[in-house]
Amino acid sequence: MHYILGQGRKDNIPSIHKAIETFIREQELWLKLAGDEKGAVIDAAIASHGRPMLVVEVGLYVGYSSTRMASQ
């Protein structure tokens, strides 16, 4: 968490996502994140529905995909 807070910029969701992705790559960790290529799939799926007023995510790990969907 300290790494993410130190690298990401407050009120800038993309910078927080990048900090999370960088951390897991640098630490060679596996986290259940919809980042990088999988994140692009989420973005495309949401974009194919225009700008939905409601998106429901069932389950939450660290909030990465939720914040990614909310930022669309």
N, C-alpha and C. Protein backbone atom coordinates (compact mmCIF):
# COMPACT_ATOMS: atom_id res chain seq x y z
N MET A 1 0.81 -1.18 0.00
CA MET A 1 0.00 0.00 0.00
C MET A 1 0.87 1.26 0.00
N HIS A 2 1.97 1.22 0.75
CA HIS A 2 2.87 2.38 0.79
C HIS A 2 3.42 2.69 -0.61
N TYR A 3 3.75 1.62 -1.35
CA TYR A 3 4.28 1.81 -2.70
C TYR A 3 3.23 2.50 -3.57
N ILE A 4 2.01 2.00 -3.54
CA ILE A 4 0.94 2.54 -4.38
C ILE A 4 0.68 4.00 -4.02
N LEU A 5 0.61 4.29 -2.72
CA LEU A 5 0.37 5.67 -2.30
C LEU A 5 1.53 6.59 -2.68
N GLY A 6 2.74 6.04 -2.69
CA GLY A 6 3.92 6.84 -3.05
C GLY A 6 4.07 7.07 -4.53
N GLN A 7 3.59 6.13 -5.34
CA GLN A 7 3.77 6.23 -6.79
C GLN A 7 2.55 6.81 -7.51
N GLY A 8 1.35 6.46 -7.03
CA GLY A 8 0.13 6.95 -7.67
C GLY A 8 -0.17 8.37 -7.22
N ARG A 9 -0.86 9.11 -8.09
CA ARG A 9 -1.23 10.48 -7.75
C ARG A 9 -2.69 10.52 -7.30
N LYS A 10 -2.95 11.21 -6.22
CA LYS A 10 -4.30 11.33 -5.68
C LYS A 10 -5.25 11.87 -6.75
N ASP A 11 -6.42 11.31 -6.79
CA ASP A 11 -7.46 11.72 -7.75
C ASP A 11 -7.08 11.45 -9.20
N ASN A 12 -6.14 10.53 -9.42
CA ASN A 12 -5.74 10.17 -10.78
C ASN A 12 -5.75 8.65 -10.87
N ILE A 13 -6.91 8.10 -11.23
CA ILE A 13 -7.08 6.65 -11.25
C ILE A 13 -6.08 5.95 -12.15
N PRO A 14 -5.83 6.44 -13.38
CA PRO A 14 -4.84 5.74 -14.22
C PRO A 14 -3.45 5.65 -13.57
N SER A 15 -3.04 6.67 -12.82
CA SER A 15 -1.71 6.61 -12.19
C SER A 15 -1.71 5.58 -11.06
N ILE A 16 -2.84 5.42 -10.38
CA ILE A 16 -2.94 4.40 -9.33
C ILE A 16 -2.91 3.01 -9.94
N HIS A 17 -3.63 2.83 -11.05
CA HIS A 17 -3.60 1.53 -11.74
C HIS A 17 -2.18 1.20 -12.20
N LYS A 18 -1.50 2.18 -12.78
CA LYS A 18 -0.13 1.94 -13.25
C LYS A 18 0.78 1.58 -12.08
N ALA A 19 0.60 2.23 -10.94
CA ALA A 19 1.42 1.91 -9.76
C ALA A 19 1.17 0.48 -9.30
N ILE A 20 -0.08 0.04 -9.31
CA ILE A 20 -0.41 -1.35 -8.92
C ILE A 20 0.24 -2.32 -9.89
N GLU A 21 0.08 -2.07 -11.20
CA GLU A 21 0.66 -2.96 -12.21
C GLU A 21 2.18 -3.01 -12.11
N THR A 22 2.81 -1.86 -11.90
CA THR A 22 4.27 -1.82 -11.78
C THR A 22 4.73 -2.58 -10.55
N PHE A 23 4.04 -2.40 -9.44
CA PHE A 23 4.41 -3.10 -8.20
C PHE A 23 4.37 -4.61 -8.38
N ILE A 24 3.28 -5.13 -8.97
CA ILE A 24 3.20 -6.58 -9.08
C ILE A 24 4.24 -7.13 -10.06
N ARG A 25 4.59 -6.34 -11.10
CA ARG A 25 5.65 -6.78 -12.02
C ARG A 25 7.01 -6.76 -11.33
N GLU A 26 7.32 -5.68 -10.62
CA GLU A 26 8.62 -5.56 -9.95
C GLU A 26 8.80 -6.61 -8.86
N GLN A 27 7.76 -6.93 -8.15
CA GLN A 27 7.84 -7.90 -7.07
C GLN A 27 7.62 -9.32 -7.56
N GLU A 28 7.34 -9.47 -8.85
CA GLU A 28 7.06 -10.77 -9.46
C GLU A 28 5.95 -11.49 -8.69
N LEU A 29 4.90 -10.74 -8.42
CA LEU A 29 3.74 -11.28 -7.71
C LEU A 29 2.64 -11.61 -8.69
N TRP A 30 1.79 -12.53 -8.30
CA TRP A 30 0.60 -12.82 -9.07
C TRP A 30 -0.58 -12.34 -8.27
N LEU A 31 -1.31 -11.38 -8.81
CA LEU A 31 -2.53 -10.91 -8.18
C LEU A 31 -3.67 -11.05 -9.16
N LYS A 32 -4.85 -11.27 -8.65
CA LYS A 32 -6.03 -11.43 -9.49
C LYS A 32 -6.49 -10.06 -9.99
N LEU A 33 -5.73 -9.48 -10.91
CA LEU A 33 -6.06 -8.16 -11.41
C LEU A 33 -6.45 -8.22 -12.88
N ALA A 34 -7.37 -7.35 -13.25
CA ALA A 34 -7.76 -7.21 -14.66
C ALA A 34 -6.93 -6.09 -15.26
N GLY A 35 -5.63 -6.19 -15.14
CA GLY A 35 -4.74 -5.15 -15.64
C GLY A 35 -4.19 -5.47 -17.00
N ASP A 36 -3.48 -4.51 -17.54
CA ASP A 36 -2.83 -4.64 -18.84
C ASP A 36 -3.81 -5.11 -19.90
N GLU A 37 -3.53 -6.26 -20.54
CA GLU A 37 -4.36 -6.74 -21.65
C GLU A 37 -5.79 -7.04 -21.20
N LYS A 38 -5.94 -7.63 -20.02
CA LYS A 38 -7.29 -7.94 -19.52
C LYS A 38 -8.07 -6.67 -19.25
N GLY A 39 -7.39 -5.64 -18.81
CA GLY A 39 -8.04 -4.36 -18.58
C GLY A 39 -8.58 -3.76 -19.87
N ALA A 40 -7.85 -3.94 -20.95
CA ALA A 40 -8.31 -3.44 -22.26
C ALA A 40 -9.59 -4.15 -22.69
N VAL A 41 -9.73 -5.42 -22.33
CA VAL A 41 -10.95 -6.17 -22.65
C VAL A 41 -12.13 -5.58 -21.86
N ILE A 42 -11.92 -5.27 -20.59
CA ILE A 42 -12.97 -4.64 -19.79
C ILE A 42 -13.35 -3.30 -20.39
N ASP A 43 -12.35 -2.50 -20.75
CA ASP A 43 -12.62 -1.19 -21.35
C ASP A 43 -13.45 -1.33 -22.62
N ALA A 44 -13.10 -2.29 -23.48
CA ALA A 44 -13.82 -2.49 -24.74
C ALA A 44 -15.25 -2.96 -24.49
N ALA A 45 -15.43 -3.85 -23.52
CA ALA A 45 -16.77 -4.35 -23.22
C ALA A 45 -17.68 -3.22 -22.74
N ILE A 46 -17.15 -2.35 -21.90
CA ILE A 46 -17.95 -1.22 -21.42
C ILE A 46 -18.21 -0.24 -22.56
N ALA A 47 -17.20 0.03 -23.37
CA ALA A 47 -17.36 0.97 -24.49
C ALA A 47 -18.39 0.48 -25.49
N SER A 48 -18.52 -0.84 -25.63
CA SER A 48 -19.48 -1.38 -26.60
C SER A 48 -20.92 -1.12 -26.19
N HIS A 49 -21.12 -0.71 -24.95
CA HIS A 49 -22.46 -0.39 -24.44
C HIS A 49 -22.66 1.11 -24.28
N GLY A 50 -21.85 1.90 -24.97
CA GLY A 50 -21.95 3.34 -24.83
C GLY A 50 -21.36 3.77 -23.51
N ARG A 51 -22.09 4.57 -22.81
CA ARG A 51 -21.66 5.01 -21.48
C ARG A 51 -22.72 4.57 -20.48
N PRO A 52 -22.60 3.32 -19.98
CA PRO A 52 -23.64 2.80 -19.09
C PRO A 52 -23.74 3.61 -17.79
N MET A 53 -24.94 3.72 -17.31
CA MET A 53 -25.18 4.43 -16.04
C MET A 53 -24.90 3.53 -14.84
N LEU A 54 -24.93 2.21 -15.06
CA LEU A 54 -24.75 1.27 -13.97
C LEU A 54 -23.90 0.10 -14.43
N VAL A 55 -22.87 -0.21 -13.66
CA VAL A 55 -22.05 -1.40 -13.89
C VAL A 55 -21.95 -2.10 -12.54
N VAL A 56 -22.24 -3.39 -12.52
CA VAL A 56 -22.21 -4.15 -11.27
C VAL A 56 -21.07 -5.15 -11.34
N GLU A 57 -20.22 -5.11 -10.34
CA GLU A 57 -19.15 -6.09 -10.23
C GLU A 57 -19.45 -6.96 -9.01
N VAL A 58 -19.43 -8.25 -9.21
CA VAL A 58 -19.66 -9.17 -8.11
C VAL A 58 -18.29 -9.70 -7.68
N GLY A 59 -17.93 -9.41 -6.47
CA GLY A 59 -16.62 -9.82 -5.98
C GLY A 59 -15.64 -8.67 -6.10
N LEU A 60 -14.70 -8.63 -5.20
CA LEU A 60 -13.74 -7.53 -5.17
C LEU A 60 -12.47 -8.05 -4.53
N TYR A 61 -11.35 -7.74 -5.14
CA TYR A 61 -10.07 -8.15 -4.56
C TYR A 61 -9.36 -6.93 -3.98
N VAL A 62 -8.86 -6.06 -4.85
CA VAL A 62 -8.26 -4.81 -4.38
C VAL A 62 -8.93 -3.58 -4.97
N GLY A 63 -10.01 -3.79 -5.74
CA GLY A 63 -10.74 -2.67 -6.31
C GLY A 63 -10.21 -2.18 -7.65
N TYR A 64 -9.25 -2.88 -8.21
CA TYR A 64 -8.63 -2.44 -9.46
C TYR A 64 -9.66 -2.36 -10.59
N SER A 65 -10.36 -3.45 -10.85
CA SER A 65 -11.30 -3.44 -11.97
C SER A 65 -12.49 -2.54 -11.69
N SER A 66 -12.91 -2.45 -10.43
CA SER A 66 -14.02 -1.55 -10.09
C SER A 66 -13.67 -0.10 -10.39
N THR A 67 -12.48 0.31 -10.00
CA THR A 67 -12.08 1.69 -10.28
C THR A 67 -11.85 1.90 -11.76
N ARG A 68 -11.40 0.85 -12.44
CA ARG A 68 -11.20 0.97 -13.88
C ARG A 68 -12.54 1.15 -14.59
N MET A 69 -13.55 0.38 -14.19
CA MET A 69 -14.88 0.52 -14.79
C MET A 69 -15.49 1.87 -14.45
N ALA A 70 -15.31 2.31 -13.22
CA ALA A 70 -15.89 3.59 -12.80
C ALA A 70 -15.27 4.77 -13.54
N SER A 71 -14.03 4.62 -13.97
CA SER A 71 -13.35 5.73 -14.65
C SER A 71 -13.73 5.85 -16.12
N GLN A 72 -14.51 4.92 -16.62
CA GLN A 72 -14.91 4.95 -18.05
C GLN A 72 -15.90 6.04 -18.31
